[in-house]
Protein backbone atom coordinates (compact mmCIF):
# COMPACT_ATOMS: atom_id res chain seq x y z
CA MET A 1 -11.86 -27.13 0.40
CA LYS A 2 -12.49 -30.16 -1.20
CA PRO A 3 -9.64 -32.07 -2.82
CA THR A 4 -9.23 -31.91 -6.69
CA THR A 5 -9.40 -34.78 -8.69
CA LEU A 6 -6.46 -34.06 -11.31
CA ASP A 7 -3.98 -36.54 -13.05
CA SER A 8 -1.37 -37.07 -10.53
CA GLU A 9 1.00 -37.63 -13.34
CA HIS A 10 1.82 -34.03 -14.64
CA PRO A 11 2.61 -30.97 -12.51
CA VAL A 12 0.24 -28.17 -11.07
CA LEU A 13 1.76 -24.70 -11.97
CA VAL A 14 1.14 -22.25 -8.85
CA LEU A 15 1.68 -18.81 -9.71
CA PHE A 16 2.85 -16.25 -7.12
CA ARG A 17 2.18 -12.53 -7.42
CA ASN A 18 0.79 -10.13 -4.79
CA ASP A 19 0.33 -13.50 -2.42
CA ARG A 20 4.01 -14.41 -1.06
CA ARG A 21 2.94 -16.41 1.79
CA LEU A 22 2.15 -19.89 2.05
CA ALA A 23 -0.40 -19.38 5.25
CA ASP A 24 -4.23 -18.53 3.78
CA ASN A 25 -2.93 -18.99 -0.02
CA ALA A 26 -5.94 -21.09 -1.57
CA ALA A 27 -3.98 -21.51 -5.00
CA LEU A 28 -1.36 -23.17 -3.09
CA ASP A 29 -3.51 -25.11 -0.56
CA ALA A 30 -5.34 -26.64 -3.94
CA ALA A 31 -2.40 -27.89 -5.28
CA ALA A 32 -1.36 -29.75 -2.25
CA ARG A 33 -4.41 -31.58 -1.68
CA SER A 34 -4.09 -32.60 -5.15
CA GLY A 35 -1.49 -34.65 -5.01
CA LYS A 36 0.08 -33.54 -8.03
CA PRO A 37 3.82 -32.25 -8.45
CA VAL A 38 4.28 -28.76 -7.52
CA ILE A 39 6.17 -25.73 -9.20
CA ALA A 40 6.01 -22.87 -7.60
CA ALA A 41 7.01 -19.65 -9.52
CA PHE A 42 7.22 -16.23 -9.63
CA VAL A 43 6.84 -13.86 -12.89
CA LEU A 44 9.00 -10.27 -12.17
CA GLU A 45 6.44 -8.70 -15.29
CA GLU A 46 7.47 -6.12 -17.69
CA ALA A 47 4.44 -3.52 -17.29
CA ALA A 48 2.99 -2.29 -20.52
CA SER A 49 3.14 2.16 -20.68
CA GLY A 50 0.64 3.55 -18.57
CA ASP A 51 0.15 0.93 -16.14
CA TRP A 52 0.53 1.68 -13.03
CA GLN A 53 4.20 0.81 -11.32
CA PRO A 54 5.86 0.72 -7.95
CA GLY A 55 8.65 2.31 -7.43
CA GLY A 56 12.01 1.83 -5.55
CA ALA A 57 10.66 0.93 -2.34
CA TRP A 58 8.37 -1.42 -3.23
CA ARG A 59 11.20 -2.86 -5.51
CA TRP A 60 13.22 -3.25 -2.40
CA TRP A 61 10.61 -4.83 -0.25
CA LEU A 62 9.64 -7.43 -3.39
CA HIS A 63 13.45 -8.88 -3.34
CA TYR A 64 13.58 -9.58 0.63
CA SER A 65 10.01 -10.98 0.16
CA LEU A 66 10.71 -13.45 -2.80
CA ALA A 67 13.92 -14.04 -0.56
CA ALA A 68 11.78 -15.51 2.34
CA LEU A 69 9.50 -17.07 0.06
CA GLU A 70 12.05 -18.96 -1.69
CA LYS A 71 13.26 -20.20 1.68
CA ALA A 72 9.85 -21.13 3.44
CA LEU A 73 9.09 -23.14 -0.11
CA ALA A 74 12.49 -24.53 0.01
CA ASP A 75 11.91 -25.92 3.49
CA LEU A 76 8.80 -27.86 1.92
CA GLY A 77 11.20 -29.08 -0.63
CA VAL A 78 9.71 -26.80 -3.18
CA ARG A 79 12.44 -24.39 -5.33
CA LEU A 80 10.49 -21.29 -6.29
CA VAL A 81 11.45 -20.42 -10.27
CA LEU A 82 12.20 -16.93 -11.05
CA ARG A 83 11.78 -15.94 -14.37
CA ARG A 84 11.22 -12.67 -16.22
CA GLY A 85 8.97 -11.16 -19.09
CA ALA A 86 5.13 -11.15 -20.27
CA MET A 87 2.94 -13.41 -17.81
CA ARG A 88 1.63 -15.13 -20.33
CA GLU A 89 4.78 -15.75 -22.31
CA VAL A 90 6.33 -16.95 -19.36
CA VAL A 91 3.49 -19.21 -18.23
CA ASP A 92 3.39 -20.64 -21.74
CA ALA A 93 7.12 -21.27 -21.75
CA LEU A 94 6.35 -23.26 -18.11
CA VAL A 95 3.91 -25.48 -19.19
CA ARG A 96 5.79 -26.91 -22.31
CA GLU A 97 8.89 -27.43 -20.69
CA SER A 98 7.45 -29.07 -17.59
CA GLY A 99 4.55 -30.53 -18.85
CA ALA A 100 2.13 -29.04 -16.77
CA ASP A 101 -1.93 -29.63 -17.32
CA THR A 102 -3.06 -27.57 -14.36
CA VAL A 103 -2.38 -23.86 -13.50
CA PHE A 104 -3.31 -22.28 -10.19
CA TRP A 105 -3.14 -18.92 -9.09
CA ASN A 106 -4.32 -15.98 -6.35
CA ARG A 107 -6.94 -13.15 -8.30
CA ARG A 108 -5.15 -9.71 -8.95
CA TYR A 109 -7.61 -6.67 -8.90
CA ASP A 110 -5.53 -3.64 -10.53
CA PRO A 111 -6.51 -3.42 -14.15
CA ALA A 112 -3.40 -4.70 -15.62
CA GLY A 113 -3.56 -7.83 -13.69
CA ILE A 114 -7.10 -8.53 -14.08
CA ALA A 115 -6.62 -7.84 -18.13
CA VAL A 116 -3.33 -10.65 -18.62
CA ASP A 117 -5.01 -13.01 -16.32
CA THR A 118 -8.54 -12.99 -17.77
CA ARG A 119 -6.51 -13.67 -21.32
CA MET A 120 -4.29 -16.33 -19.81
CA LYS A 121 -7.02 -17.96 -18.26
CA ALA A 122 -8.98 -18.36 -21.56
CA ASP A 123 -5.82 -19.45 -23.52
CA LEU A 124 -4.84 -22.33 -21.35
CA ARG A 125 -8.35 -23.99 -21.21
CA ASP A 126 -8.89 -23.57 -24.79
CA ARG A 127 -5.83 -26.25 -24.63
CA GLY A 128 -7.40 -27.95 -22.54
CA MET A 129 -5.77 -27.04 -19.31
CA VAL A 130 -6.96 -27.39 -15.96
CA VAL A 131 -6.93 -23.33 -14.62
CA GLN A 132 -8.68 -22.14 -11.55
CA SER A 133 -8.36 -18.73 -9.68
CA PHE A 134 -8.96 -17.92 -6.01
CA SER A 135 -9.41 -15.12 -3.72
CA GLY A 136 -7.66 -14.22 -0.80
CA HIS A 137 -6.32 -11.13 -1.32
CA LEU A 138 -9.32 -9.32 -0.03
CA LEU A 139 -12.31 -9.43 2.26
CA HIS A 140 -14.99 -9.41 -1.04
CA GLU A 141 -14.77 -9.70 -4.70
CA PRO A 142 -15.26 -6.42 -6.20
CA SER A 143 -17.12 -7.89 -9.14
CA ARG A 144 -20.02 -9.18 -6.89
CA LEU A 145 -20.73 -6.49 -4.55
CA ALA A 146 -23.21 -4.11 -5.93
CA THR A 147 -25.83 -1.32 -4.39
CA SER A 148 -29.15 -2.28 -4.77
CA THR A 149 -29.68 -0.84 -8.01
CA GLY A 150 -27.08 -2.37 -9.27
CA GLY A 151 -23.97 -0.16 -9.54
CA TYR A 152 -21.28 0.09 -7.44
CA TYR A 153 -20.60 2.20 -4.44
CA LYS A 154 -19.02 5.50 -4.34
CA VAL A 155 -19.63 6.20 -0.31
CA TYR A 156 -17.55 4.39 1.99
CA SER A 157 -20.25 4.07 4.81
CA PRO A 158 -22.86 2.14 2.80
CA PHE A 159 -19.99 0.21 1.32
CA TRP A 160 -18.67 -1.01 4.74
CA LYS A 161 -22.33 -1.59 6.01
CA ALA A 162 -22.87 -4.06 2.75
CA LEU A 163 -19.33 -5.41 3.04
CA MET A 164 -20.34 -6.48 6.92
CA ALA A 165 -24.25 -7.33 6.09
CA GLY A 166 -22.37 -10.87 4.74
CA PRO A 167 -20.85 -13.48 6.22
CA GLU A 168 -17.87 -12.94 8.29
CA PRO A 169 -14.82 -13.97 6.59
CA GLY A 170 -13.65 -17.06 7.47
CA ASP A 171 -11.13 -18.17 9.79
CA ALA A 172 -7.79 -18.36 8.09
CA PHE A 173 -5.94 -21.32 7.25
CA ASP A 174 -2.33 -22.59 7.86
CA ALA A 175 0.40 -23.40 5.01
CA PRO A 176 0.61 -26.70 3.88
CA GLN A 177 2.38 -29.53 5.62
CA VAL A 178 3.83 -31.31 2.72
CA LEU A 179 4.16 -30.46 -0.90
CA THR A 180 4.99 -33.37 -3.81
CA PRO A 181 8.26 -31.29 -5.27
CA PHE A 182 8.51 -31.60 -9.15
CA GLN A 183 11.52 -33.41 -9.84
CA GLY A 184 12.06 -32.16 -13.65
CA SER A 185 14.70 -29.08 -14.52
CA LEU A 186 13.29 -25.82 -14.88
CA ASP A 187 16.00 -22.77 -15.37
CA SER A 188 14.97 -20.00 -12.96
CA MET A 189 17.01 -16.64 -12.84
CA PRO A 190 18.90 -15.58 -9.54
CA LEU A 191 17.19 -13.58 -7.43
CA ALA A 192 20.02 -10.74 -7.79
CA ALA A 193 19.11 -10.69 -11.33
CA PHE A 194 16.04 -9.06 -10.64
CA GLY A 195 18.47 -6.08 -10.06
CA LEU A 196 15.48 -4.98 -7.05
CA LEU A 197 17.76 -3.69 -4.74
CA PRO A 198 19.80 -0.22 -5.20
CA GLN A 199 23.14 0.37 -5.91
CA LYS A 200 25.07 3.47 -6.17
CA PRO A 201 23.79 4.78 -3.90
CA ASP A 202 22.46 2.19 -1.92
CA TRP A 203 19.63 4.76 -0.54
CA ALA A 204 17.66 1.79 1.72
CA GLY A 205 19.65 1.72 4.86
CA GLY A 206 16.62 3.02 6.49
CA LEU A 207 14.66 0.58 5.01
CA ARG A 208 16.63 -2.51 6.44
CA GLU A 209 16.21 -0.81 10.15
CA THR A 210 12.71 -0.42 9.97
CA TRP A 211 11.58 -3.56 8.15
CA THR A 212 11.13 -7.48 8.08
CA PRO A 213 9.92 -8.44 4.86
CA GLY A 214 7.83 -11.69 4.48
CA GLU A 215 5.47 -13.92 5.99
CA ALA A 216 7.21 -14.57 9.30
CA GLY A 217 7.63 -10.89 9.38
CA ALA A 218 3.90 -10.30 9.21
CA HIS A 219 2.56 -12.38 11.36
CA GLU A 220 5.17 -11.09 14.17
CA ARG A 221 4.13 -7.88 13.34
CA LEU A 222 0.60 -8.69 13.44
CA ALA A 223 1.52 -10.50 17.01
CA ASP A 224 2.94 -7.15 18.22
CA PHE A 225 -0.03 -4.90 17.28
CA LEU A 226 -2.71 -7.00 18.81
CA SER A 227 -0.64 -7.20 22.26
CA ASP A 228 0.81 -3.70 22.37
CA ALA A 229 -0.76 -1.48 20.15
CA LEU A 230 -4.51 -2.62 19.43
CA ASN A 231 -5.73 -0.78 22.61
CA GLY A 232 -6.14 2.84 22.41
CA TYR A 233 -5.60 2.61 18.36
CA ALA A 234 -8.63 4.30 17.92
CA GLU A 235 -7.22 8.03 19.57
CA GLY A 236 -3.53 6.87 19.05
CA ARG A 237 -3.60 6.33 15.59
CA ASP A 238 -3.66 10.06 15.02
CA TYR A 239 -0.49 10.89 17.10
CA PRO A 240 2.37 10.12 14.90
CA ALA A 241 5.09 9.88 17.65
CA LYS A 242 3.05 7.18 19.37
CA ASP A 243 3.84 3.52 18.50
CA ALA A 244 0.16 3.21 17.93
CA THR A 245 -0.48 2.08 14.53
CA SER A 246 -0.44 -1.88 12.86
CA LEU A 247 2.31 -1.08 10.37
CA LEU A 248 0.95 -4.18 8.45
CA SER A 249 0.09 -1.90 5.36
CA PRO A 250 3.54 -3.02 3.64
CA TYR A 251 2.50 -6.46 4.23
CA LEU A 252 -1.11 -6.38 2.83
CA ALA A 253 0.32 -4.64 -0.19
CA HIS A 254 2.76 -7.56 -0.80
CA GLY A 255 0.11 -10.67 0.02
CA GLU A 256 2.48 -11.77 3.04
CA ILE A 257 -0.90 -11.33 5.13
CA THR A 258 -4.55 -11.70 4.36
CA PRO A 259 -7.13 -9.50 5.68
CA ALA A 260 -9.11 -12.48 6.74
CA ARG A 261 -6.35 -13.39 8.69
CA ILE A 262 -6.57 -10.05 10.75
CA PHE A 263 -9.99 -10.26 11.39
CA ALA A 264 -9.63 -13.77 12.73
CA ALA A 265 -6.89 -12.69 14.99
CA LEU A 266 -9.09 -9.62 15.97
CA ARG A 267 -11.79 -11.86 16.77
CA SER A 268 -9.84 -13.99 18.98
CA SER A 269 -7.87 -11.60 20.88
CA GLY A 270 -10.31 -10.89 23.75
CA ASP A 271 -12.98 -9.29 24.47
CA ASP A 272 -11.48 -5.91 23.14
CA ALA A 273 -12.21 -7.98 19.65
CA ILE A 274 -15.96 -6.17 19.67
CA GLY A 275 -14.49 -2.65 21.17
CA ALA A 276 -13.95 1.04 19.63
CA ASP A 277 -10.39 -0.02 19.00
CA ALA A 278 -10.71 -3.52 17.29
CA MET A 279 -13.95 -1.71 15.17
CA LYS A 280 -11.80 1.31 13.95
CA PHE A 281 -9.08 -0.91 12.93
CA ARG A 282 -11.44 -3.16 10.58
CA LYS A 283 -12.74 0.08 9.27
CA GLU A 284 -9.76 0.91 8.14
CA VAL A 285 -8.98 -2.66 6.18
CA GLY A 286 -12.20 -1.56 4.93
CA TRP A 287 -11.04 1.54 3.54
CA ARG A 288 -8.49 -0.86 1.97
CA GLU A 289 -11.53 -2.76 0.44
CA PHE A 290 -13.00 0.32 -0.42
CA CYS A 291 -10.41 1.48 -2.89
CA TYR A 292 -10.05 -2.06 -4.25
CA HIS A 293 -13.54 -1.77 -5.27
CA LEU A 294 -13.21 1.89 -6.71
CA LEU A 295 -10.39 0.74 -8.74
CA PHE A 296 -12.14 -2.32 -10.32
CA HIS A 297 -14.82 0.17 -11.30
CA ASN A 298 -12.75 2.67 -12.23
CA PRO A 299 -9.59 1.23 -14.11
CA ASP A 300 -7.73 4.69 -14.24
CA LEU A 301 -8.27 6.20 -10.64
CA ASP A 302 -4.43 7.18 -10.72
CA LYS A 303 -5.01 9.30 -14.07
CA LYS A 304 -8.52 10.77 -13.90
CA ASN A 305 -10.10 12.74 -11.43
CA PHE A 306 -13.32 10.51 -10.05
CA GLN A 307 -15.06 13.99 -9.93
CA PRO A 308 -14.92 15.63 -13.56
CA SER A 309 -16.09 18.78 -12.16
CA PHE A 310 -12.41 18.99 -10.96
CA ASP A 311 -10.73 18.51 -14.52
CA ALA A 312 -10.72 22.41 -15.08
CA PHE A 313 -8.56 22.86 -11.55
CA PRO A 314 -6.05 25.26 -12.09
CA TRP A 315 -2.83 23.13 -10.83
CA HIS A 316 -0.07 24.89 -10.85
CA GLU A 317 3.42 23.88 -12.37
CA ASP A 318 6.04 24.78 -9.44
CA ASP A 319 9.37 22.65 -9.47
CA ALA A 320 11.09 24.48 -6.67
CA SER A 321 7.89 23.62 -4.11
CA LEU A 322 7.67 20.17 -5.30
CA ARG A 323 11.51 19.50 -4.55
CA ALA A 324 11.09 21.30 -1.08
CA TRP A 325 8.30 19.00 -0.64
CA GLN A 326 10.24 16.44 -1.97
CA ARG A 327 12.72 16.30 -0.06
CA GLY A 328 11.08 17.86 3.35
CA MET A 329 12.29 21.55 3.11
CA THR A 330 9.12 23.46 3.02
CA GLY A 331 9.65 25.10 6.21
CA TYR A 332 6.19 23.74 7.72
CA PRO A 333 8.13 21.09 10.91
CA LEU A 334 5.55 18.29 10.52
CA VAL A 335 4.98 18.50 6.80
CA ASP A 336 8.72 17.99 6.40
CA ALA A 337 9.22 15.49 9.35
CA GLY A 338 6.68 13.06 7.61
CA MET A 339 8.84 13.57 4.00
CA ARG A 340 11.56 12.79 5.99
CA GLU A 341 10.07 9.68 7.24
CA LEU A 342 9.33 8.48 3.97
CA TRP A 343 12.35 8.96 2.52
CA GLN A 344 13.97 7.33 4.98
CA THR A 345 11.98 4.79 6.18
CA GLY A 346 9.46 4.01 3.19
CA TYR A 347 6.57 4.53 5.65
CA MET A 348 4.49 7.93 6.81
CA GLN A 349 2.06 7.63 9.20
CA ASN A 350 -1.47 8.18 8.35
CA ARG A 351 -2.58 11.58 9.68
CA VAL A 352 0.96 12.93 8.29
CA ARG A 353 0.57 11.48 5.01
CA MET A 354 -3.10 13.16 5.22
CA ILE A 355 -1.26 16.51 6.22
CA ALA A 356 1.42 16.22 4.06
CA ALA A 357 -0.94 15.56 0.73
CA SER A 358 -3.15 18.27 1.80
CA PHE A 359 -0.05 20.54 1.68
CA LEU A 360 1.15 19.62 -1.71
CA THR A 361 -2.38 19.67 -3.38
CA LYS A 362 -4.00 22.90 -1.32
CA HIS A 363 -1.22 25.11 -0.19
CA LEU A 364 1.03 24.70 -3.82
CA LEU A 365 -1.64 23.45 -6.09
CA ILE A 366 0.40 20.80 -7.30
CA ASP A 367 -1.37 18.40 -9.01
CA TRP A 368 -2.32 15.25 -6.80
CA ARG A 369 -1.11 12.82 -9.88
CA THR A 370 2.40 14.62 -8.84
CA GLY A 371 2.04 13.44 -5.13
CA GLU A 372 0.71 10.29 -5.99
CA ARG A 373 3.89 9.41 -8.27
CA TRP A 374 6.15 10.47 -5.85
CA PHE A 375 4.28 8.14 -2.91
CA ARG A 376 4.20 5.16 -5.24
CA ASP A 377 8.28 5.85 -5.63
CA THR A 378 8.87 5.86 -2.44
CA LEU A 379 6.32 3.85 -0.20
CA VAL A 380 6.67 0.07 0.50
CA ASP A 381 3.46 -0.09 1.11
CA ALA A 382 2.60 1.32 -2.47
CA ASP A 383 -0.82 -0.30 -3.66
CA PRO A 384 -2.52 0.90 -6.96
CA ALA A 385 -5.74 1.04 -5.26
CA SER A 386 -5.46 3.23 -1.88
CA ASN A 387 -2.57 5.35 -3.13
CA PRO A 388 -4.72 6.94 -6.09
CA GLY A 389 -8.12 6.13 -3.65
CA ASN A 390 -6.31 8.34 -0.71
CA TRP A 391 -4.78 11.03 -3.02
CA GLN A 392 -7.74 11.62 -4.79
CA TRP A 393 -9.83 12.05 -1.13
CA VAL A 394 -7.29 14.20 0.18
CA ALA A 395 -7.61 16.22 -2.83
CA GLY A 396 -11.39 16.63 -2.81
CA CYS A 397 -12.27 14.93 -5.96
CA GLY A 398 -12.39 11.23 -4.71
CA ALA A 399 -15.14 8.72 -3.93
CA ASP A 400 -16.64 10.50 -0.88
CA ALA A 401 -13.88 12.92 -0.68
CA ALA A 402 -12.82 15.41 2.10
CA PRO A 403 -14.21 18.62 0.76
CA PHE A 404 -11.85 20.86 -0.58
CA PHE A 405 -12.43 23.55 1.86
CA ARG A 406 -11.13 21.60 4.25
CA ILE A 407 -7.61 22.40 4.32
CA PHE A 408 -4.95 21.27 7.05
CA ASN A 409 -3.36 24.18 9.49
CA PRO A 410 0.27 22.42 9.56
CA VAL A 411 0.90 24.28 12.85
CA LEU A 412 -2.37 23.52 14.47
CA GLN A 413 -2.31 20.00 13.25
CA GLY A 414 1.28 20.01 14.42
CA GLN A 415 0.35 21.73 18.30
CA LYS A 416 -2.62 19.18 17.99
CA PHE A 417 -1.26 15.53 17.56
CA ASP A 418 2.37 16.13 17.89
CA PRO A 419 1.85 18.42 21.34
CA ASP A 420 5.64 17.66 22.50
CA GLY A 421 6.88 18.14 19.57
CA THR A 422 8.34 14.66 19.43
CA TYR A 423 7.71 13.46 16.59
CA VAL A 424 9.27 16.73 14.50
CA ARG A 425 12.41 16.30 16.79
CA ALA A 426 13.19 12.72 15.46
CA TRP A 427 12.89 13.28 12.20
CA VAL A 428 13.81 17.35 11.47
CA PRO A 429 17.04 16.93 13.98
CA GLU A 430 18.00 20.54 13.21
CA LEU A 431 14.96 21.89 14.95
CA ALA A 432 15.60 19.77 18.39
CA GLY A 433 17.06 22.53 20.46
CA LEU A 434 13.46 24.71 19.89
CA SER A 435 10.94 24.90 22.84
CA THR A 436 7.53 23.23 22.29
CA ARG A 437 6.31 26.45 22.36
CA TYR A 438 8.08 27.42 18.66
CA ILE A 439 8.44 23.55 17.45
CA HIS A 440 5.64 23.57 15.07
CA GLU A 441 6.30 27.47 13.84
CA PRO A 442 10.03 28.30 14.20
CA TRP A 443 9.47 31.41 11.98
CA SER A 444 7.37 33.17 14.56
CA ALA A 445 10.50 32.23 17.55
CA PRO A 446 12.50 35.57 18.80
CA ALA A 447 15.84 35.62 17.17
CA ALA A 448 17.48 35.01 20.47
CA VAL A 449 15.21 31.89 20.91
CA LEU A 450 16.57 30.86 17.43
CA ALA A 451 19.87 31.76 17.94
CA GLN A 452 19.60 29.43 20.98
CA ALA A 453 18.77 26.58 19.46
CA GLY A 454 21.14 26.64 16.77
CA VAL A 455 18.47 27.54 13.69
CA LYS A 456 19.40 29.75 11.22
CA LEU A 457 16.35 30.19 9.18
CA GLY A 458 16.93 30.08 5.10
CA GLU A 459 20.26 28.75 6.81
CA THR A 460 19.54 25.61 8.53
CA TYR A 461 16.23 25.10 8.31
CA PRO A 462 14.17 26.98 5.48
CA ARG A 463 11.51 29.84 5.79
CA PRO A 464 8.02 28.55 5.27
CA VAL A 465 7.65 28.11 1.17
CA VAL A 466 4.27 29.68 1.23
CA ASP A 467 2.38 31.83 3.90
CA HIS A 468 -0.82 29.53 5.10
CA ARG A 469 -3.46 31.99 4.99
CA LEU A 470 -2.26 33.57 1.87
CA ALA A 471 -2.05 29.85 0.62
CA ARG A 472 -5.58 28.95 1.82
CA ASP A 473 -7.10 31.75 0.47
CA ARG A 474 -5.61 30.90 -2.98
CA ALA A 475 -6.77 27.51 -2.78
CA LEU A 476 -10.17 28.68 -2.07
CA SER A 477 -10.68 31.13 -4.90
CA ALA A 478 -9.17 28.51 -7.38
CA HIS A 479 -11.89 26.20 -6.18
CA ALA A 480 -14.50 28.75 -6.67
CA GLU A 481 -13.24 29.41 -10.07
CA THR A 482 -13.51 25.51 -11.14
CA ARG A 483 -17.03 25.17 -9.70
CA SER A 484 -18.22 28.42 -11.87
CA GLU A 485 -16.85 26.86 -14.61
CA SER A 486 -18.47 23.73 -14.29
């Protein structure tokens, strides 16, 4: 990147948002190369009603992500200014107070972020300021990748083909070695004043035990994945008891690592970088890109069915079943294990996410938007594109969606992908004494087997909230009725 010729006396304001990293940060890199004094700022935005807003687990991660960013910048002599409010108003105040004549940021791709940044860029430029935005959050610019007819891609395979037909993402670049700090005085809120951490009760113990938020944690996690889990990833990723996934999704969601760095690491990891495991992982990163492509062209992705034919679908209001699902008390061990893992760690293994989401939307006929909101509140990797994109895919109403008649049988899924019951025993300990034969369908166990395992159905562990066969028939009938009306 070429140095920018700017007035070196006035500072440059660098905005951090979902890019809380120093390496592969094009906005920060441009500021460093400018030679200008650097002001680094993060604004905790006040979201407008109706905007997609992440929940408690995401906010917990944000606290520690900001703490890590504060320290990394401080090591370079730059203070991270923390403020709260509307982005445009806070930036105006920072510019006015500091005399900054330049503002740099990395682009956002959620509808609310795009709207704010577009207007802010125009306002600042109208005042004669130098304003520049940079890419880095994605491998592609959703506004530029188009079909041969000028539209956007609604099916993943041609999207991936088009994405890979372009140039390979460039090599990752290191954090600046030197920054010129701004010498003026700017008010900054203490991080604790943001109120991001749970207080009473403090439900985040499992999150603290599981994760290390921040850029250093992201790089460590990537290195561990490449050395320990990439080999066998294509098959192993379906087995929730195996340590066979990257666990990089929260770091990507918080911008602590870029997809370009991940691709670069895969290219440099040896012969396996061109094998089936690395290609499968690249495609999973590509699915995230596809979800952002969809969100860019469908700003209401979290609210409206991608396929309007589902607008007439007869979703059920069933608060008792919803609570059972949320608490991991449906009576289906694999579903319950996933939901408890989610509550404890802010994360759920990918295949189990699909099974749990299918159960809510097809066994219980509860609207996918209800499930999306729960995942949004409980996932540390909550994301405005992947969250609704994946929920619509599972529900059958999204782009390139799984057909509605694909209704996961949670018993068969458990027997296939958790054959020894290791995952279920880890997260549903009241069933730990059951033999493998019955671990995924405890209701079928003889009374003597249940008694020996210390299981009392309906007391220590619930009976199924719905019968699989009856629920499947009901879901297919509801779908057939919807199709006949559309």
